[in-house]
Protein backbone atom coordinates (compact mmCIF):
# COMPACT_ATOMS: atom_id res chain seq x y z
CA MET A 1 -34.32 -34.52 -108.46
CA SER A 2 -32.12 -31.78 -107.05
CA SER A 3 -28.98 -33.54 -108.39
CA ASP A 4 -27.96 -36.80 -110.04
CA ARG A 5 -28.93 -38.69 -106.88
CA ILE A 6 -31.95 -38.93 -104.61
CA LYS A 7 -31.43 -37.14 -101.32
CA ILE A 8 -33.49 -38.81 -98.58
CA VAL A 9 -33.97 -36.88 -95.33
CA TRP A 10 -35.09 -38.91 -92.32
CA ILE A 11 -36.52 -36.25 -90.02
CA TYR A 12 -35.90 -36.41 -86.26
CA PRO A 13 -35.13 -40.10 -85.63
CA ASP A 14 -34.43 -39.05 -82.03
CA LEU A 15 -38.10 -38.07 -81.64
CA LEU A 16 -40.09 -39.88 -84.33
CA SER A 17 -38.80 -43.42 -84.64
CA THR A 18 -40.80 -45.39 -82.08
CA TYR A 19 -42.14 -48.14 -84.31
CA GLY A 20 -39.24 -49.03 -86.60
CA ASP A 21 -40.37 -46.67 -89.36
CA GLN A 22 -36.75 -46.01 -90.32
CA GLY A 23 -37.13 -49.25 -92.29
CA ASN A 24 -38.88 -47.04 -94.84
CA THR A 25 -35.56 -45.32 -95.47
CA ILE A 26 -33.78 -48.63 -96.00
CA VAL A 27 -36.38 -49.82 -98.52
CA LEU A 28 -36.11 -46.63 -100.57
CA GLU A 29 -32.32 -46.89 -100.61
CA ARG A 30 -32.46 -50.54 -101.67
CA ARG A 31 -35.08 -50.19 -104.39
CA ALA A 32 -33.27 -47.20 -105.83
CA ALA A 33 -29.93 -49.04 -105.77
CA LEU A 34 -31.39 -52.05 -107.59
CA ARG A 35 -32.26 -49.68 -110.41
CA GLY A 36 -28.84 -48.04 -110.45
CA ILE A 37 -30.11 -44.83 -108.85
CA PRO A 38 -27.66 -43.46 -106.26
CA THR A 39 -29.03 -42.11 -102.98
CA GLU A 40 -27.77 -39.94 -100.17
CA THR A 41 -29.46 -40.29 -96.77
CA VAL A 42 -29.41 -37.65 -94.05
CA ASN A 43 -30.46 -38.73 -90.54
CA LEU A 44 -31.55 -35.35 -89.23
CA ARG A 45 -31.59 -34.87 -85.46
CA SER A 46 -34.07 -32.49 -83.88
CA ASP A 47 -31.37 -29.94 -83.01
CA GLU A 48 -30.34 -29.60 -86.67
CA PRO A 49 -31.88 -27.37 -89.37
CA VAL A 50 -33.98 -29.09 -92.03
CA PRO A 51 -32.21 -28.88 -95.39
CA ALA A 52 -34.43 -27.52 -98.15
CA ASP A 53 -32.66 -29.43 -100.94
CA GLY A 54 -33.92 -32.95 -100.15
CA ASP A 55 -35.88 -35.01 -102.64
CA ILE A 56 -37.77 -37.29 -100.20
CA TYR A 57 -38.52 -36.42 -96.58
CA LEU A 58 -39.63 -39.16 -94.17
CA LEU A 59 -41.33 -38.78 -90.78
CA GLY A 60 -42.14 -41.67 -88.48
CA GLY A 61 -44.31 -42.43 -85.48
CA GLY A 62 -43.76 -41.22 -81.94
CA GLU A 63 -45.35 -40.70 -78.56
CA ASP A 64 -47.31 -37.58 -77.59
CA ARG A 65 -44.57 -35.42 -76.09
CA PRO A 66 -41.97 -36.10 -78.82
CA GLN A 67 -44.67 -35.44 -81.43
CA ILE A 68 -45.48 -32.05 -79.88
CA LEU A 69 -41.79 -31.14 -79.66
CA ALA A 70 -41.21 -32.21 -83.27
CA ALA A 71 -44.12 -30.05 -84.45
CA GLN A 72 -42.80 -27.05 -82.54
CA ARG A 73 -39.30 -27.39 -83.93
CA LEU A 74 -40.45 -28.01 -87.50
CA ARG A 75 -42.76 -24.97 -87.36
CA GLY A 76 -39.93 -22.82 -86.09
CA ASP A 77 -37.46 -24.17 -88.62
CA GLY A 78 -39.59 -23.83 -91.76
CA GLY A 79 -37.26 -25.97 -93.88
CA LEU A 80 -39.77 -28.73 -94.53
CA ALA A 81 -42.44 -26.26 -95.67
CA ARG A 82 -39.95 -24.64 -98.05
CA ALA A 83 -38.98 -28.03 -99.45
CA VAL A 84 -42.63 -28.89 -100.13
CA GLN A 85 -43.09 -25.57 -101.92
CA SER A 86 -40.13 -26.55 -104.11
CA GLY A 87 -41.77 -29.85 -105.05
CA ALA A 88 -40.16 -32.29 -102.62
CA VAL A 89 -41.78 -35.63 -101.73
CA VAL A 90 -42.96 -36.15 -98.13
CA PHE A 91 -43.99 -39.49 -96.64
CA ALA A 92 -45.22 -39.37 -93.05
CA VAL A 93 -46.45 -42.11 -90.72
CA CYS A 94 -48.80 -41.90 -87.72
CA ALA A 95 -47.53 -39.05 -85.49
CA GLY A 96 -45.66 -37.67 -88.48
CA TYR A 97 -48.85 -37.83 -90.53
CA GLN A 98 -50.85 -35.95 -87.90
CA LEU A 99 -48.35 -33.16 -87.41
CA LEU A 100 -48.36 -32.39 -91.15
CA GLY A 101 -51.93 -31.14 -90.67
CA HIS A 102 -53.35 -27.97 -89.19
CA GLU A 103 -53.74 -29.43 -85.70
CA PHE A 104 -53.61 -32.69 -83.73
CA GLY A 105 -54.51 -33.97 -80.28
CA GLY A 106 -51.86 -33.66 -77.57
CA GLU A 107 -51.22 -35.87 -74.56
CA GLU A 108 -54.24 -34.49 -72.65
CA GLY A 109 -56.39 -34.25 -75.75
CA GLN A 110 -55.60 -30.55 -76.19
CA LEU A 111 -55.31 -29.33 -79.78
CA VAL A 112 -51.72 -28.65 -80.83
CA PRO A 113 -50.86 -26.58 -83.93
CA GLY A 114 -49.37 -28.60 -86.77
CA LEU A 115 -47.44 -27.55 -89.87
CA GLY A 116 -50.39 -26.92 -92.19
CA ILE A 117 -48.63 -28.73 -95.03
CA LEU A 118 -51.50 -31.19 -95.51
CA ASP A 119 -55.15 -30.10 -95.30
CA ILE A 120 -56.14 -32.39 -92.42
CA ARG A 121 -57.12 -32.01 -88.77
CA SER A 122 -56.60 -34.74 -86.18
CA SER A 123 -57.91 -35.18 -82.66
CA ARG A 124 -57.93 -37.87 -80.00
CA GLY A 125 -60.67 -40.48 -80.39
CA GLU A 126 -62.43 -42.43 -77.69
CA GLN A 127 -60.94 -45.81 -78.60
CA ARG A 128 -57.48 -46.88 -79.67
CA ALA A 129 -57.05 -48.49 -83.09
CA VAL A 130 -54.68 -51.44 -82.81
CA GLY A 131 -54.21 -54.20 -85.36
CA GLU A 132 -53.87 -54.99 -89.03
CA ILE A 133 -55.13 -52.54 -91.62
CA VAL A 134 -55.85 -53.19 -95.29
CA GLY A 135 -57.05 -50.74 -97.90
CA ASP A 136 -57.63 -50.15 -101.60
CA VAL A 137 -55.55 -47.21 -102.80
CA ALA A 138 -56.92 -44.28 -104.79
CA GLY A 139 -56.83 -45.31 -108.45
CA GLU A 140 -54.77 -42.41 -109.72
CA LEU A 141 -51.82 -43.42 -107.53
CA ASN A 142 -51.49 -46.82 -109.23
CA VAL A 143 -50.47 -48.68 -106.06
CA PRO A 144 -51.71 -52.20 -105.19
CA ARG A 145 -53.81 -52.94 -102.10
CA ILE A 146 -52.01 -51.78 -98.97
CA THR A 147 -51.29 -53.76 -95.84
CA GLY A 148 -49.93 -52.47 -92.55
CA PHE A 149 -50.26 -52.29 -88.78
CA GLU A 150 -51.93 -49.41 -86.98
CA ASN A 151 -51.53 -48.36 -83.35
CA HIS A 152 -53.06 -44.95 -82.66
CA GLN A 153 -55.91 -43.12 -80.97
CA GLY A 154 -56.17 -40.42 -83.59
CA VAL A 155 -59.19 -39.47 -85.66
CA THR A 156 -58.33 -37.53 -88.80
CA HIS A 157 -60.63 -35.37 -90.92
CA LEU A 158 -59.67 -34.30 -94.42
CA GLY A 159 -60.26 -30.81 -95.76
CA ALA A 160 -61.01 -29.92 -99.37
CA GLY A 161 -57.30 -29.69 -100.18
CA ALA A 162 -56.52 -33.35 -99.40
CA GLN A 163 -57.63 -36.66 -100.89
CA PRO A 164 -57.98 -40.03 -99.08
CA PHE A 165 -55.02 -42.30 -99.68
CA ALA A 166 -57.06 -45.51 -99.50
CA LYS A 167 -60.48 -46.93 -98.68
CA VAL A 168 -60.29 -49.20 -95.63
CA THR A 169 -61.37 -52.81 -96.11
CA HIS A 170 -60.07 -53.95 -92.71
CA GLY A 171 -59.08 -51.79 -89.76
CA ILE A 172 -59.78 -48.21 -88.69
CA GLY A 173 -57.47 -45.72 -90.45
CA ASN A 174 -58.73 -42.14 -90.23
CA GLY A 175 -61.93 -43.30 -88.55
CA ASP A 176 -64.26 -42.48 -91.43
CA GLY A 177 -63.77 -45.53 -93.65
CA PHE A 178 -60.65 -44.12 -95.28
CA GLU A 179 -56.95 -44.34 -94.49
CA GLY A 180 -54.35 -41.61 -94.82
CA ALA A 181 -54.35 -38.58 -97.09
CA TYR A 182 -52.34 -37.05 -99.88
CA SER A 183 -52.01 -33.83 -101.82
CA GLY A 184 -49.49 -33.37 -104.61
CA ARG A 185 -46.35 -35.20 -103.52
CA VAL A 186 -47.20 -35.17 -99.80
CA LEU A 187 -48.63 -38.42 -98.43
CA GLY A 188 -49.48 -39.43 -94.88
CA THR A 189 -50.68 -42.72 -93.41
CA TYR A 190 -51.32 -44.48 -90.12
CA MET A 191 -49.59 -47.65 -91.42
CA HIS A 192 -46.57 -49.09 -89.68
CA GLY A 193 -45.03 -52.37 -90.68
CA PRO A 194 -42.84 -50.60 -91.85
CA ALA A 195 -45.24 -49.37 -94.52
CA LEU A 196 -42.78 -49.39 -97.42
CA VAL A 197 -41.47 -52.84 -96.49
CA ARG A 198 -44.96 -54.30 -96.69
CA ASN A 199 -45.88 -52.27 -99.75
CA PRO A 200 -43.02 -51.99 -102.27
CA GLY A 201 -45.44 -50.48 -104.79
CA LEU A 202 -45.88 -47.54 -102.43
CA ALA A 203 -42.10 -47.16 -102.16
CA ASP A 204 -41.91 -47.06 -105.95
CA LEU A 205 -44.58 -44.35 -106.06
CA LEU A 206 -42.36 -42.13 -103.90
CA LEU A 207 -39.36 -42.88 -106.11
CA ARG A 208 -41.36 -42.06 -109.26
CA TRP A 209 -42.42 -38.77 -107.74
CA ALA A 210 -38.82 -37.97 -106.78
CA THR A 211 -37.27 -38.87 -110.13
CA GLY A 212 -40.11 -37.74 -112.36
CA THR A 213 -39.70 -40.89 -114.47
CA GLU A 214 -41.11 -44.38 -114.78
CA LEU A 215 -39.07 -47.05 -113.02
CA ARG A 216 -37.74 -50.36 -114.26
CA PRO A 217 -39.75 -53.24 -112.75
CA LEU A 218 -38.03 -55.34 -110.08
CA ASP A 219 -38.42 -58.99 -109.14
CA ASP A 220 -40.75 -58.70 -106.14
CA SER A 221 -41.58 -62.39 -105.85
CA TRP A 222 -40.39 -62.68 -102.24
CA ALA A 223 -42.05 -59.44 -101.21
CA GLY A 224 -45.19 -60.58 -102.98
CA ARG A 225 -45.25 -63.84 -101.02
CA LEU A 226 -44.92 -61.97 -97.73
CA ARG A 227 -47.68 -59.58 -98.74
CA GLU A 228 -49.99 -62.45 -99.62
CA GLU A 229 -49.30 -64.09 -96.27
CA ARG A 230 -50.30 -60.93 -94.41
CA LEU A 231 -53.39 -60.35 -96.56
CA GLN A 232 -54.51 -63.96 -96.21
CA ALA A 233 -53.96 -63.83 -92.45
CA VAL A 234 -56.26 -60.83 -92.21
CA SER A 235 -58.94 -62.24 -94.51
CA GLY A 236 -58.81 -65.54 -92.62
């Protein structure tokens, strides 16, 4: 960590907060607090510079025009790229996930330059993916089966510098049988829900990356019951 607390930066809630993904911020704050880890959260508007001293950066979903504007401003700012070079954690959802890559599909299907932080390329598919998504996470991440909700028309292809986050067992994800991508401490996904609310193990992965230590287990009995309900609903 950059200090004795975790600094969480929620990037551009005025542009990238269409699907309630700010709940990811709340979950990180709560799970850190239950372990006695203080946090500081910065809600960063799109007219403000991105601080390079954050520990965890969060990006949410958004519509086409806000996504394009966010990509333009983040490219011009450069703060997020510098933070990643310094070892910061990045968790991005849907539109945020796409704009981390080299390019993504704009509102008319045109290719828009992304940030090049994650070795992926996204474009607009022929059909929209809407509904529940379930996947088995890459073993090295040590995260239980994921559950979420997807609502996108993107198709994402991974380059050699990125690994699939999970193998899809239900839903669409990237469109190739896999969901999301990660490289180092940068992780992107199409999952809403919010993703960290549905998947506390994923929230703990981000906290482990940020602190560099193992975390004390928490009583997740209630969260576990909710997860089982969602998983059973899909399998049923």
